[in-house]
Every structure is written in C-alpha cells, then in structure tokens.
Amino acid sequence: MKAYLISLAVGLLVGVIYSLLDVRSPAPPVIAILGLLGMLAGEQIIPVGKQLLRGTSFVTACDKTHATDHVFGQLPGRQADQEKQT
C-alpha cells in the first residue's frame, strides 16, 4: 500500500509543478487508459472461458488462470498475505 501512496503523492507533485509551469500533462486521456484496461481484461476472456466451460466457478477460474494478478498486478496487502503462507 505504501508504494501506491508514494506513487499518488509523486503524481500529485508533478501535476502541481506542471500547473505552475503552465504545461499540459503528457498523460494519455482517460479513454486511452480505459482501452488499455479493456485489452488486459480481453486477454483473460479465453483462459477464464475455458475454465468456465469445464464447470469451474468464475472466482475459481480467475484464480486458476491468475487473471486477477494479470489485470491488476500485485495489489496492496497481497505480498504480505503470501509471505504469511510460506
């Protein structure tokens, strides 16, 4: 979670600096970010769909194919949970 907060803080700082310099951000528009999210989710349709056709529940199918990890990356707290299990 700390890395996400640091990333947000640095992003806000850069945004403030851009504003002070009266420069537009080079970040892509929201529609491009949504397109990237669609691509990540679309990559998982076939593997998850195959699991669903085998009769696996949706949550189990996502877990078996690591779809959630692929789309969202390492979520806050997941690393700590994995360390506790080992």
N, C-alpha and C. Protein backbone atom coordinates (compact mmCIF):
# COMPACT_ATOMS: atom_id res chain seq x y z
N MET A 1 0.83 -1.19 0.00
CA MET A 1 0.00 0.00 0.00
C MET A 1 0.87 1.26 0.00
N LYS A 2 2.04 1.16 0.66
CA LYS A 2 2.93 2.31 0.74
C LYS A 2 3.38 2.76 -0.65
N ALA A 3 3.69 1.81 -1.52
CA ALA A 3 4.15 2.16 -2.87
C ALA A 3 3.05 2.90 -3.64
N TYR A 4 1.80 2.50 -3.45
CA TYR A 4 0.68 3.16 -4.14
C TYR A 4 0.52 4.59 -3.64
N LEU A 5 0.65 4.79 -2.34
CA LEU A 5 0.52 6.15 -1.79
C LEU A 5 1.68 7.04 -2.24
N ILE A 6 2.88 6.49 -2.28
CA ILE A 6 4.03 7.26 -2.75
C ILE A 6 3.84 7.63 -4.22
N SER A 7 3.37 6.67 -5.02
CA SER A 7 3.12 6.93 -6.43
C SER A 7 2.08 8.04 -6.61
N LEU A 8 1.02 7.98 -5.84
CA LEU A 8 -0.02 9.02 -5.91
C LEU A 8 0.55 10.38 -5.50
N ALA A 9 1.33 10.41 -4.42
CA ALA A 9 1.91 11.67 -3.94
C ALA A 9 2.85 12.28 -4.98
N VAL A 10 3.69 11.45 -5.58
CA VAL A 10 4.62 11.95 -6.60
C VAL A 10 3.84 12.45 -7.81
N GLY A 11 2.80 11.72 -8.21
CA GLY A 11 1.97 12.16 -9.32
C GLY A 11 1.32 13.50 -9.05
N LEU A 12 0.81 13.68 -7.82
CA LEU A 12 0.21 14.97 -7.47
C LEU A 12 1.26 16.09 -7.50
N LEU A 13 2.46 15.81 -7.00
CA LEU A 13 3.53 16.80 -7.01
C LEU A 13 3.89 17.20 -8.44
N VAL A 14 4.02 16.23 -9.31
CA VAL A 14 4.33 16.52 -10.71
C VAL A 14 3.20 17.33 -11.34
N GLY A 15 1.96 16.99 -11.01
CA GLY A 15 0.82 17.75 -11.53
C GLY A 15 0.85 19.20 -11.10
N VAL A 16 1.21 19.43 -9.84
CA VAL A 16 1.33 20.80 -9.33
C VAL A 16 2.44 21.55 -10.06
N ILE A 17 3.57 20.89 -10.26
CA ILE A 17 4.69 21.52 -10.98
C ILE A 17 4.27 21.86 -12.41
N TYR A 18 3.59 20.93 -13.09
CA TYR A 18 3.10 21.21 -14.45
C TYR A 18 2.17 22.41 -14.44
N SER A 19 1.31 22.49 -13.43
CA SER A 19 0.37 23.61 -13.35
C SER A 19 1.12 24.93 -13.15
N LEU A 20 2.11 24.91 -12.28
CA LEU A 20 2.89 26.13 -12.04
C LEU A 20 3.66 26.57 -13.28
N LEU A 21 4.11 25.61 -14.07
CA LEU A 21 4.83 25.92 -15.31
C LEU A 21 3.89 26.19 -16.48
N ASP A 22 2.60 26.02 -16.25
CA ASP A 22 1.56 26.18 -17.27
C ASP A 22 1.81 25.27 -18.48
N VAL A 23 2.08 23.99 -18.16
CA VAL A 23 2.35 22.98 -19.18
C VAL A 23 1.28 21.90 -19.08
N ARG A 24 0.84 21.40 -20.22
CA ARG A 24 -0.14 20.31 -20.23
C ARG A 24 0.56 18.99 -19.94
N SER A 25 -0.13 18.12 -19.23
CA SER A 25 0.41 16.81 -18.90
C SER A 25 0.48 15.93 -20.14
N PRO A 26 1.58 15.16 -20.29
CA PRO A 26 1.67 14.25 -21.44
C PRO A 26 0.91 12.95 -21.21
N ALA A 27 0.23 12.83 -20.09
CA ALA A 27 -0.51 11.60 -19.78
C ALA A 27 -1.63 11.40 -20.80
N PRO A 28 -1.92 10.13 -21.12
CA PRO A 28 -2.97 9.87 -22.11
C PRO A 28 -4.35 10.21 -21.55
N PRO A 29 -5.28 10.52 -22.42
CA PRO A 29 -6.63 10.80 -21.95
C PRO A 29 -7.26 9.55 -21.34
N VAL A 30 -8.30 9.76 -20.57
CA VAL A 30 -8.97 8.65 -19.87
C VAL A 30 -9.42 7.56 -20.85
N ILE A 31 -9.85 7.93 -22.03
CA ILE A 31 -10.32 6.93 -22.99
C ILE A 31 -9.21 5.96 -23.37
N ALA A 32 -7.97 6.43 -23.43
CA ALA A 32 -6.84 5.55 -23.75
C ALA A 32 -6.58 4.58 -22.60
N ILE A 33 -6.70 5.07 -21.37
CA ILE A 33 -6.49 4.22 -20.20
C ILE A 33 -7.58 3.15 -20.14
N LEU A 34 -8.81 3.52 -20.46
CA LEU A 34 -9.90 2.53 -20.50
C LEU A 34 -9.65 1.49 -21.59
N GLY A 35 -9.09 1.91 -22.70
CA GLY A 35 -8.75 0.97 -23.76
C GLY A 35 -7.71 -0.04 -23.30
N LEU A 36 -6.70 0.44 -22.56
CA LEU A 36 -5.69 -0.47 -22.02
C LEU A 36 -6.29 -1.45 -21.03
N LEU A 37 -7.21 -0.99 -20.19
CA LEU A 37 -7.89 -1.89 -19.25
C LEU A 37 -8.69 -2.94 -20.02
N GLY A 38 -9.33 -2.53 -21.10
CA GLY A 38 -10.08 -3.47 -21.93
C GLY A 38 -9.17 -4.52 -22.55
N MET A 39 -7.99 -4.10 -22.97
CA MET A 39 -7.03 -5.06 -23.54
C MET A 39 -6.60 -6.08 -22.49
N LEU A 40 -6.30 -5.62 -21.29
CA LEU A 40 -5.89 -6.54 -20.23
C LEU A 40 -7.00 -7.52 -19.89
N ALA A 41 -8.22 -7.02 -19.79
CA ALA A 41 -9.36 -7.89 -19.48
C ALA A 41 -9.64 -8.85 -20.65
N GLY A 42 -9.52 -8.35 -21.89
CA GLY A 42 -9.77 -9.17 -23.07
C GLY A 42 -8.82 -10.34 -23.19
N GLU A 43 -7.57 -10.14 -22.75
CA GLU A 43 -6.59 -11.23 -22.80
C GLU A 43 -7.00 -12.40 -21.90
N GLN A 44 -7.84 -12.13 -20.93
CA GLN A 44 -8.21 -13.17 -19.97
C GLN A 44 -9.51 -13.88 -20.33
N ILE A 45 -10.23 -13.41 -21.35
CA ILE A 45 -11.52 -13.99 -21.69
C ILE A 45 -11.39 -15.46 -22.08
N ILE A 46 -10.45 -15.80 -22.95
CA ILE A 46 -10.30 -17.19 -23.42
C ILE A 46 -9.88 -18.13 -22.29
N PRO A 47 -8.80 -17.82 -21.53
CA PRO A 47 -8.42 -18.74 -20.46
C PRO A 47 -9.50 -18.93 -19.39
N VAL A 48 -10.13 -17.83 -18.99
CA VAL A 48 -11.20 -17.93 -17.98
C VAL A 48 -12.40 -18.65 -18.58
N GLY A 49 -12.73 -18.35 -19.84
CA GLY A 49 -13.85 -19.01 -20.51
C GLY A 49 -13.67 -20.52 -20.59
N LYS A 50 -12.45 -20.96 -20.88
CA LYS A 50 -12.17 -22.41 -20.92
C LYS A 50 -12.43 -23.05 -19.57
N GLN A 51 -12.02 -22.38 -18.51
CA GLN A 51 -12.26 -22.91 -17.17
C GLN A 51 -13.76 -22.96 -16.86
N LEU A 52 -14.49 -21.91 -17.28
CA LEU A 52 -15.93 -21.88 -17.04
C LEU A 52 -16.63 -23.01 -17.80
N LEU A 53 -16.18 -23.31 -19.01
CA LEU A 53 -16.78 -24.40 -19.79
C LEU A 53 -16.52 -25.76 -19.14
N ARG A 54 -15.47 -25.87 -18.36
CA ARG A 54 -15.18 -27.11 -17.63
C ARG A 54 -16.00 -27.23 -16.35
N GLY A 55 -16.81 -26.21 -16.07
CA GLY A 55 -17.68 -26.25 -14.90
C GLY A 55 -17.10 -25.59 -13.66
N THR A 56 -16.00 -24.90 -13.82
CA THR A 56 -15.37 -24.21 -12.70
C THR A 56 -16.13 -22.91 -12.42
N SER A 57 -16.23 -22.55 -11.15
CA SER A 57 -16.89 -21.29 -10.82
C SER A 57 -16.04 -20.12 -11.32
N PHE A 58 -16.65 -18.96 -11.47
CA PHE A 58 -15.96 -17.80 -12.01
C PHE A 58 -14.76 -17.41 -11.15
N VAL A 59 -14.96 -17.36 -9.83
CA VAL A 59 -13.88 -16.95 -8.93
C VAL A 59 -12.73 -17.94 -9.01
N THR A 60 -13.04 -19.23 -9.02
CA THR A 60 -12.00 -20.26 -9.11
C THR A 60 -11.30 -20.19 -10.46
N ALA A 61 -12.06 -19.94 -11.53
CA ALA A 61 -11.47 -19.82 -12.87
C ALA A 61 -10.48 -18.66 -12.92
N CYS A 62 -10.85 -17.54 -12.34
CA CYS A 62 -9.95 -16.38 -12.30
C CYS A 62 -8.70 -16.70 -11.49
N ASP A 63 -8.88 -17.44 -10.40
CA ASP A 63 -7.74 -17.81 -9.56
C ASP A 63 -6.81 -18.78 -10.29
N LYS A 64 -7.36 -19.79 -10.94
CA LYS A 64 -6.55 -20.79 -11.64
C LYS A 64 -5.75 -20.18 -12.80
N THR A 65 -6.32 -19.22 -13.48
CA THR A 65 -5.64 -18.61 -14.63
C THR A 65 -4.82 -17.38 -14.24
N HIS A 66 -4.85 -17.03 -12.96
CA HIS A 66 -4.15 -15.84 -12.45
C HIS A 66 -4.61 -14.57 -13.17
N ALA A 67 -5.87 -14.54 -13.56
CA ALA A 67 -6.42 -13.41 -14.30
C ALA A 67 -6.38 -12.12 -13.48
N THR A 68 -6.72 -12.21 -12.21
CA THR A 68 -6.74 -11.01 -11.37
C THR A 68 -5.34 -10.42 -11.23
N ASP A 69 -4.35 -11.30 -11.02
CA ASP A 69 -2.98 -10.82 -10.90
C ASP A 69 -2.52 -10.17 -12.21
N HIS A 70 -2.94 -10.72 -13.33
CA HIS A 70 -2.52 -10.18 -14.63
C HIS A 70 -3.13 -8.81 -14.88
N VAL A 71 -4.41 -8.65 -14.56
CA VAL A 71 -5.11 -7.40 -14.86
C VAL A 71 -4.74 -6.30 -13.86
N PHE A 72 -4.70 -6.64 -12.59
CA PHE A 72 -4.50 -5.62 -11.56
C PHE A 72 -3.08 -5.55 -11.01
N GLY A 73 -2.23 -6.51 -11.35
CA GLY A 73 -0.89 -6.54 -10.78
C GLY A 73 -0.92 -6.95 -9.34
N GLN A 74 0.16 -6.70 -8.64
CA GLN A 74 0.26 -7.04 -7.23
C GLN A 74 -0.51 -6.01 -6.42
N LEU A 75 -1.63 -6.41 -5.85
CA LEU A 75 -2.46 -5.49 -5.08
C LEU A 75 -1.89 -5.30 -3.68
N PRO A 76 -2.18 -4.15 -3.05
CA PRO A 76 -1.67 -3.91 -1.70
C PRO A 76 -2.13 -5.00 -0.74
N GLY A 77 -1.21 -5.47 0.09
CA GLY A 77 -1.54 -6.49 1.08
C GLY A 77 -1.37 -7.91 0.58
N ARG A 78 -1.39 -8.14 -0.73
CA ARG A 78 -1.26 -9.50 -1.27
C ARG A 78 0.11 -10.07 -0.97
N GLN A 79 1.16 -9.25 -1.04
CA GLN A 79 2.51 -9.74 -0.79
C GLN A 79 2.64 -10.18 0.67
N ALA A 80 2.08 -9.41 1.59
CA ALA A 80 2.12 -9.77 3.00
C ALA A 80 1.37 -11.07 3.24
N ASP A 81 0.22 -11.24 2.57
CA ASP A 81 -0.56 -12.48 2.70
C ASP A 81 0.23 -13.68 2.21
N GLN A 82 0.94 -13.53 1.11
CA GLN A 82 1.73 -14.62 0.55
C GLN A 82 2.91 -14.96 1.44
N GLU A 83 3.51 -13.96 2.07
CA GLU A 83 4.64 -14.22 2.99
C GLU A 83 4.18 -14.97 4.21
N LYS A 84 2.97 -14.71 4.71
CA LYS A 84 2.44 -15.41 5.86
C LYS A 84 2.19 -16.88 5.57
N GLN A 85 1.82 -17.19 4.31
CA GLN A 85 1.51 -18.56 3.91
C GLN A 85 2.77 -19.41 3.79
N THR A 86 3.91 -18.79 3.55
CA THR A 86 5.15 -19.57 3.37
C THR A 86 5.92 -19.74 4.64
